[in-house]
Protein backbone atom coordinates (compact mmCIF):
# COMPACT_ATOMS: atom_id res chain seq x y z
CA UNK A 1 -6.66 -12.61 -28.08
CA UNK A 2 -6.59 -8.84 -27.71
CA UNK A 3 -3.47 -7.15 -29.03
CA UNK A 4 -1.72 -4.86 -26.56
CA UNK A 5 -1.19 -1.29 -27.71
CA UNK A 6 2.35 -0.44 -26.73
CA UNK A 7 3.52 3.14 -26.38
CA UNK A 8 5.39 4.07 -29.55
CA UNK A 9 8.72 5.86 -29.57
CA UNK A 10 6.86 8.93 -30.83
CA UNK A 11 4.44 8.74 -27.88
CA UNK A 12 7.31 8.54 -25.44
CA UNK A 13 8.99 11.52 -27.07
CA UNK A 14 5.81 13.55 -26.75
CA UNK A 15 5.88 12.88 -23.02
CA UNK A 16 9.50 13.89 -22.74
CA UNK A 17 8.67 16.01 -19.73
CA UNK A 18 7.52 12.95 -17.82
CA UNK A 19 9.97 11.15 -15.60
CA UNK A 20 10.40 7.39 -15.67
CA UNK A 21 7.77 6.84 -13.00
CA UNK A 22 5.17 8.75 -14.99
CA UNK A 23 6.04 6.86 -18.19
CA UNK A 24 5.48 3.58 -16.38
CA UNK A 25 2.16 4.78 -14.95
CA UNK A 26 0.98 5.98 -18.36
CA UNK A 27 1.82 2.64 -19.98
CA UNK A 28 0.24 0.72 -17.09
CA UNK A 29 -2.95 2.78 -17.29
CA UNK A 30 -3.38 1.87 -20.96
CA UNK A 31 -2.73 -1.85 -20.49
CA UNK A 32 -4.78 -2.21 -17.29
CA UNK A 33 -7.71 -0.55 -19.05
CA UNK A 34 -7.35 -2.84 -22.06
CA UNK A 35 -6.68 -6.18 -20.38
CA UNK A 36 -7.75 -5.85 -16.76
CA UNK A 37 -5.64 -6.60 -13.74
CA UNK A 38 -5.42 -10.40 -13.91
CA UNK A 39 -4.34 -10.61 -17.56
CA UNK A 40 -1.71 -7.88 -17.34
CA UNK A 41 1.93 -8.85 -16.82
CA UNK A 42 4.51 -6.48 -15.39
CA UNK A 43 6.68 -7.39 -18.36
CA UNK A 44 3.97 -6.03 -20.70
CA UNK A 45 4.02 -2.73 -18.83
CA UNK A 46 7.80 -2.51 -18.82
CA UNK A 47 7.99 -3.14 -22.57
CA UNK A 48 5.23 -0.64 -23.28
CA UNK A 49 6.96 2.03 -21.19
CA UNK A 50 10.35 1.35 -22.73
CA UNK A 51 12.01 0.37 -19.44
CA UNK A 52 13.42 -2.86 -18.07
CA UNK A 53 11.54 -5.01 -15.59
CA UNK A 54 14.00 -4.35 -12.77
CA UNK A 55 13.42 -0.61 -13.05
CA UNK A 56 9.64 -1.05 -12.94
CA UNK A 57 9.94 -3.18 -9.81
CA UNK A 58 12.27 -0.59 -8.26
CA UNK A 59 9.63 2.14 -8.61
CA UNK A 60 6.47 0.19 -7.80
CA UNK A 61 7.50 -3.09 -6.10
CA UNK A 62 4.46 -5.01 -7.32
CA UNK A 63 1.76 -5.08 -9.96
CA UNK A 64 -0.85 -4.69 -7.22
CA UNK A 65 0.69 -1.46 -5.94
CA UNK A 66 0.93 -0.02 -9.44
CA UNK A 67 -2.64 -1.05 -10.19
CA UNK A 68 -3.97 0.61 -7.03
CA UNK A 69 -2.22 3.84 -7.96
CA UNK A 70 -3.71 3.80 -11.47
CA UNK A 71 -7.15 3.00 -10.06
CA UNK A 72 -6.97 5.86 -7.58
CA UNK A 73 -5.85 8.38 -10.19
CA UNK A 74 -8.44 7.34 -12.77
CA UNK A 75 -11.31 7.55 -10.30
CA UNK A 76 -9.91 10.59 -8.56
CA UNK A 77 -9.78 12.74 -11.69
CA UNK A 78 -13.32 11.86 -12.67
CA UNK A 79 -14.82 12.19 -9.19
CA UNK A 80 -13.23 15.60 -8.72
CA UNK A 81 -14.96 16.83 -11.87
CA UNK A 82 -18.27 15.43 -10.64
CA UNK A 83 -17.80 16.93 -7.18
CA UNK A 84 -17.23 20.39 -8.67
CA UNK A 85 -20.39 20.09 -10.76
CA UNK A 86 -22.47 18.84 -7.81
CA UNK A 87 -21.34 21.84 -5.75
CA UNK A 88 -21.60 24.48 -8.46
CA UNK A 89 -23.79 27.27 -7.02
CA UNK A 90 -24.34 28.87 -10.40
CA UNK A 91 -26.13 26.01 -12.14
CA UNK A 92 -29.61 24.56 -11.76
CA UNK A 93 -30.42 20.91 -11.06
CA UNK A 94 -31.23 20.38 -14.73
CA UNK A 95 -27.99 22.05 -15.82
CA UNK A 96 -26.00 19.88 -13.43
CA UNK A 97 -27.51 16.73 -14.94
CA UNK A 98 -26.56 17.99 -18.39
CA UNK A 99 -22.98 18.79 -17.33
CA UNK A 100 -22.50 15.44 -15.57
CA UNK A 101 -23.86 13.59 -18.60
CA UNK A 102 -21.54 15.49 -20.91
CA UNK A 103 -18.47 14.94 -18.72
CA UNK A 104 -19.19 11.24 -18.32
CA UNK A 105 -19.72 10.69 -22.04
CA UNK A 106 -16.52 12.58 -22.86
CA UNK A 107 -14.66 10.29 -20.46
CA UNK A 108 -16.10 7.16 -22.06
CA UNK A 109 -15.27 8.42 -25.56
CA UNK A 110 -11.68 9.16 -24.58
CA UNK A 111 -11.22 6.02 -22.45
CA UNK A 112 -13.91 3.49 -23.49
CA UNK A 113 -12.34 0.71 -21.44
CA UNK A 114 -13.00 2.41 -18.09
CA UNK A 115 -16.48 0.88 -17.43
CA UNK A 116 -15.15 -2.67 -17.68
CA UNK A 117 -12.11 -1.65 -15.68
CA UNK A 118 -14.28 -0.37 -12.82
CA UNK A 119 -16.86 -3.17 -13.02
CA UNK A 120 -14.04 -5.69 -12.69
CA UNK A 121 -12.96 -4.00 -9.48
CA UNK A 122 -16.52 -3.89 -8.14
CA UNK A 123 -16.55 -7.67 -8.40
CA UNK A 124 -13.04 -8.39 -7.12
CA UNK A 125 -12.21 -5.58 -4.70
CA UNK A 126 -15.31 -3.57 -3.73
CA UNK A 127 -13.80 -2.36 -0.44
CA UNK A 128 -10.97 -0.59 -2.25
CA UNK A 129 -13.41 0.94 -4.71
CA UNK A 130 -15.63 2.31 -1.95
CA UNK A 131 -12.59 3.93 -0.35
CA UNK A 132 -12.04 5.88 -3.56
CA UNK A 133 -15.68 6.82 -4.14
CA UNK A 134 -17.22 9.07 -1.47
CA UNK A 135 -20.70 8.20 -2.70
CA UNK A 136 -22.58 9.20 0.45
CA UNK A 137 -20.93 12.63 0.66
CA UNK A 138 -21.45 13.15 -3.05
CA UNK A 139 -25.18 12.52 -2.75
CA UNK A 140 -26.12 14.10 0.57
CA UNK A 141 -23.63 16.90 1.18
CA UNK A 142 -23.81 18.85 -2.04
CA UNK A 143 -25.75 21.65 -3.66
CA UNK A 144 -27.12 19.02 -6.05
CA UNK A 145 -28.89 17.28 -3.16
CA UNK A 146 -30.40 20.54 -1.87
CA UNK A 147 -31.64 21.38 -5.36
CA UNK A 148 -33.06 17.89 -5.74
CA UNK A 149 -34.94 18.21 -2.44
CA UNK A 150 -36.25 21.61 -3.51
CA UNK A 151 -37.50 20.18 -6.82
CA UNK A 152 -39.34 17.45 -4.89
CA UNK A 153 -40.83 20.01 -2.46
CA UNK A 154 -42.01 22.12 -5.40
CA UNK A 155 -43.47 18.95 -6.97
CA UNK A 156 -41.42 19.40 -10.12
CA UNK A 157 -40.16 15.83 -9.87
CA UNK A 158 -41.43 12.73 -8.10
CA UNK A 159 -40.55 12.22 -4.43
CA UNK A 160 -37.94 9.52 -4.91
CA UNK A 161 -34.55 8.84 -3.39
CA UNK A 162 -31.93 10.76 -5.41
CA UNK A 163 -29.96 7.56 -5.92
CA UNK A 164 -32.70 6.39 -8.31
CA UNK A 165 -32.19 9.52 -10.39
CA UNK A 166 -28.42 9.02 -10.44
CA UNK A 167 -28.65 5.29 -11.20
CA UNK A 168 -30.94 5.94 -14.14
CA UNK A 169 -28.55 8.59 -15.44
CA UNK A 170 -25.47 6.40 -15.06
CA UNK A 171 -27.22 3.42 -16.64
CA UNK A 172 -28.23 5.44 -19.68
CA UNK A 173 -24.66 6.68 -20.05
CA UNK A 174 -22.70 3.49 -19.41
CA UNK A 175 -24.80 0.87 -21.21
CA UNK A 176 -23.94 2.03 -24.77
CA UNK A 177 -20.25 2.07 -23.80
CA UNK A 178 -20.43 -1.51 -22.52
CA UNK A 179 -22.35 -2.55 -25.63
CA UNK A 180 -20.03 -0.70 -28.03
CA UNK A 181 -18.68 -3.83 -29.78
CA UNK A 182 -22.21 -5.18 -30.27
CA UNK A 183 -23.55 -1.85 -31.53
CA UNK A 184 -20.70 -1.38 -33.97
CA UNK A 185 -20.99 -4.92 -35.30
CA UNK A 186 -24.79 -5.09 -35.53
CA UNK A 187 -25.23 -1.60 -36.97
CA UNK A 188 -22.03 -1.56 -39.04
CA UNK A 189 -20.85 1.55 -37.21
CA UNK A 190 -17.30 2.84 -37.44
CA UNK A 191 -15.61 4.81 -34.67
CA UNK A 192 -16.85 8.17 -35.92
CA UNK A 193 -20.46 6.99 -36.15
CA UNK A 194 -20.32 5.59 -32.62
CA UNK A 195 -18.84 8.84 -31.32
CA UNK A 196 -21.64 10.80 -33.01
CA UNK A 197 -24.19 8.48 -31.38
CA UNK A 198 -22.69 9.16 -27.95
CA UNK A 199 -22.52 12.90 -28.59
CA UNK A 200 -26.23 12.90 -29.41
CA UNK A 201 -26.96 11.30 -26.05
CA UNK A 202 -25.58 14.36 -24.26
CA UNK A 203 -28.82 16.14 -25.18
CA UNK A 204 -31.13 13.13 -25.07
CA UNK A 205 -30.32 11.70 -21.63
CA UNK A 206 -31.23 14.83 -19.59
CA UNK A 207 -34.53 15.01 -21.50
CA UNK A 208 -35.30 11.36 -20.83
CA UNK A 209 -34.51 11.75 -17.14
CA UNK A 210 -36.80 14.75 -16.88
CA UNK A 211 -39.62 12.81 -18.55
CA UNK A 212 -39.11 9.70 -16.41
CA UNK A 213 -39.08 11.57 -13.10
CA UNK A 214 -41.49 14.38 -13.91
CA UNK A 215 -44.03 14.66 -11.11
CA UNK A 216 -47.24 12.93 -12.20
CA UNK A 217 -49.40 15.90 -11.19
CA UNK A 218 -47.26 18.30 -13.19
CA UNK A 219 -47.27 15.86 -16.10
CA UNK A 220 -51.09 15.84 -16.08
CA UNK A 221 -51.16 19.65 -16.04
CA UNK A 222 -48.84 19.83 -19.04
CA UNK A 223 -51.05 17.57 -21.15
């Protein structure tokens, strides 16, 4: 059984500027990420935040409402970063891939429970997730998409749907995070060694993507 990490008195003092509602949300975010929605009790959240159960219910009414708020904020912060990168006029397609990879890996290092948190919602509440993720706009209405189309037209990369490129990138990023317990156990890796492994992938993943999707004609010319 996984032990819940409650917010210490010191942690609460450090967030002294936060009001009660924010303290509850911060505690809920940690526990939802660790345990998932079904296994989390409102009493766990109240204890972790240092408030009574009645006060938690006063602010948020239900676990579902609190969970939806946490979900929206977690996804919203990350997607805003990605949106800014996708629409950055000063970076190339290759640089965008590098920046997205770096941002995503930083997120997974800081909050390694997020992949399981999101995957759980994909299975149980995909409609809500799609409301929070403007995937179509992110792919087709950005500078990234125009640069991708230009790279295809110039035969620098294969003529594939950009979603293949993005799925390959996300898979290469997320899989080690999902397999973290196995990697650490099988390879006797501590937290620092795992973090170093993930940091190395910031440089490796863009290179692998370029090699995978390099236009075959260009690849032959470079041999």
